[in-house]
Amino acid sequence: MSAVRIGSVVVNVGDVRAAARFWSAALDYVPRYPVEDDWAILRPRSDAAHGLAPNLSLNLGETRPDAVPHVHLDLYAADQQAEVERLVGLGARLVEDWSYPDEPHDYVVLEDPDGNRFCVIDASEG
């Protein structure tokens, strides 16, 4: 068994405070420490999830995200459409120019207010 685990996923953003508000609401996370202008660590609000789910750290960055990032977040949702609508309501945007496969797919590509792309996966049973 490995002695390491993912403790935090780090995302570069242009406005740490705005990103902290978006991702806190999107994931039901809370700041681990007071949010700073250049850094924030968000953790699951639920103590039951603490240590089981990785933190999300937000780092002030000056570069724009790649259109097809090497790494991205997959958010699993029991009601994919409702979650996509909720996230768009929080400030996420649908990626209109994404090339989906012709066969059925279980994901929708969104981007956060900074342009970081992520997927909402249909994790409903069946």
Protein backbone atom coordinates (compact mmCIF):
# COMPACT_ATOMS: atom_id res chain seq x y z
CA MET A 1 0.00 0.00 0.00
CA SER A 2 1.30 3.44 -0.90
CA ALA A 3 2.39 5.79 1.84
CA VAL A 4 1.29 8.83 -0.16
CA ARG A 5 -2.10 10.18 -1.23
CA ILE A 6 -3.35 13.23 -3.08
CA GLY A 7 -3.73 15.88 -0.42
CA SER A 8 -4.53 18.82 -2.66
CA VAL A 9 -5.16 19.62 -6.29
CA VAL A 10 -3.69 23.03 -7.17
CA VAL A 11 -5.37 25.26 -9.75
CA ASN A 12 -3.88 28.50 -11.06
CA VAL A 13 -6.40 31.34 -11.15
CA GLY A 14 -6.40 35.06 -11.95
CA ASP A 15 -8.42 36.11 -8.88
CA VAL A 16 -7.96 33.86 -5.84
CA ARG A 17 -10.79 35.40 -3.82
CA ALA A 18 -13.33 35.09 -6.66
CA ALA A 19 -12.17 31.54 -7.41
CA ALA A 20 -12.49 30.63 -3.73
CA ARG A 21 -16.10 31.86 -3.73
CA PHE A 22 -16.91 29.88 -6.89
CA TRP A 23 -15.24 26.60 -5.88
CA SER A 24 -16.48 26.80 -2.28
CA ALA A 25 -20.06 27.02 -3.54
CA ALA A 26 -19.50 24.47 -6.32
CA LEU A 27 -18.01 21.78 -4.06
CA ASP A 28 -19.39 22.75 -0.64
CA TYR A 29 -15.82 23.37 0.51
CA VAL A 30 -14.62 25.93 3.05
CA PRO A 31 -11.32 27.78 3.43
CA ARG A 32 -8.84 25.88 5.57
CA TYR A 33 -7.19 29.20 6.46
CA PRO A 34 -8.21 32.79 5.68
CA VAL A 35 -8.14 33.34 1.91
CA GLU A 36 -5.22 35.47 0.77
CA ASP A 37 -4.84 37.48 -2.44
CA ASP A 38 -2.40 34.94 -3.88
CA TRP A 39 -3.28 31.61 -2.21
CA ALA A 40 -6.17 29.67 -0.72
CA ILE A 41 -6.69 26.12 0.45
CA LEU A 42 -10.26 24.83 0.39
CA ARG A 43 -11.30 21.66 2.19
CA PRO A 44 -14.54 19.70 2.37
CA ARG A 45 -17.07 21.32 4.71
CA SER A 46 -18.14 17.93 6.03
CA ASP A 47 -15.88 16.52 8.71
CA ALA A 48 -16.89 13.08 7.45
CA ALA A 49 -15.24 13.87 4.10
CA HIS A 50 -12.19 15.52 5.66
CA GLY A 51 -9.15 13.44 4.78
CA LEU A 52 -11.10 11.37 2.25
CA ALA A 53 -11.43 14.02 -0.45
CA PRO A 54 -8.46 16.14 -1.52
CA ASN A 55 -8.21 19.82 -0.76
CA LEU A 56 -8.50 22.27 -3.64
CA SER A 57 -5.73 24.86 -3.53
CA LEU A 58 -5.95 28.07 -5.54
CA ASN A 59 -2.74 29.75 -6.62
CA LEU A 60 -2.50 33.20 -8.20
CA GLY A 61 -1.24 32.68 -11.74
CA GLU A 62 -0.70 34.94 -14.72
CA THR A 63 -1.07 32.41 -17.53
CA ARG A 64 -4.30 31.38 -19.23
CA PRO A 65 -5.36 27.74 -19.00
CA ASP A 66 -4.78 25.45 -21.98
CA ALA A 67 -7.85 24.77 -24.14
CA VAL A 68 -7.24 21.05 -23.61
CA PRO A 69 -5.57 20.82 -20.21
CA HIS A 70 -3.23 17.99 -19.33
CA VAL A 71 -5.07 17.56 -16.01
CA HIS A 72 -8.63 18.51 -15.12
CA LEU A 73 -11.26 17.81 -12.47
CA ASP A 74 -14.10 15.32 -13.02
CA LEU A 75 -17.06 16.13 -10.77
CA TYR A 76 -19.41 13.17 -10.31
CA ALA A 77 -23.11 14.02 -10.10
CA ALA A 78 -26.15 11.87 -9.44
CA ASP A 79 -28.24 14.46 -11.35
CA GLN A 80 -25.89 15.71 -14.04
CA GLN A 81 -28.26 18.21 -15.66
CA ALA A 82 -29.20 19.80 -12.33
CA GLU A 83 -25.53 20.13 -11.36
CA VAL A 84 -24.58 21.64 -14.72
CA GLU A 85 -27.37 24.21 -14.32
CA ARG A 86 -26.31 24.95 -10.71
CA LEU A 87 -22.65 25.39 -11.68
CA VAL A 88 -23.54 27.65 -14.60
CA GLY A 89 -25.64 29.68 -12.16
CA LEU A 90 -22.54 30.06 -9.99
CA GLY A 91 -20.50 31.43 -12.90
CA ALA A 92 -19.26 28.38 -14.82
CA ARG A 93 -19.62 28.36 -18.60
CA LEU A 94 -20.42 25.53 -21.01
CA VAL A 95 -17.53 24.89 -23.38
CA GLU A 96 -19.42 25.31 -26.64
CA ASP A 97 -16.59 24.29 -28.97
CA TRP A 98 -15.80 20.95 -27.30
CA SER A 99 -15.74 18.04 -29.75
CA TYR A 100 -17.77 15.28 -28.12
CA PRO A 101 -17.59 11.71 -29.52
CA ASP A 102 -20.39 10.54 -31.80
CA GLU A 103 -21.33 7.72 -29.43
CA PRO A 104 -23.17 8.52 -26.20
CA HIS A 105 -21.00 10.17 -23.57
CA ASP A 106 -21.48 10.65 -19.84
CA TYR A 107 -19.78 14.04 -19.39
CA VAL A 108 -20.34 17.74 -19.99
CA VAL A 109 -17.35 20.07 -20.30
CA LEU A 110 -17.52 23.35 -18.37
CA GLU A 111 -15.01 26.00 -17.42
CA ASP A 112 -14.77 27.97 -14.20
CA PRO A 113 -14.74 31.80 -14.26
CA ASP A 114 -10.95 31.70 -14.87
CA GLY A 115 -11.31 29.38 -17.88
CA ASN A 116 -10.11 26.21 -16.11
CA ARG A 117 -11.97 23.34 -17.73
CA PHE A 118 -13.64 20.55 -15.79
CA CYS A 119 -16.21 17.85 -16.50
CA VAL A 120 -19.48 16.98 -14.83
CA ILE A 121 -19.86 13.22 -15.06
CA ASP A 122 -23.23 11.46 -15.01
CA ALA A 123 -22.79 9.21 -11.98
CA SER A 124 -26.45 8.22 -11.73
CA GLU A 125 -27.12 4.55 -11.33
CA GLY A 126 -28.06 2.76 -14.54
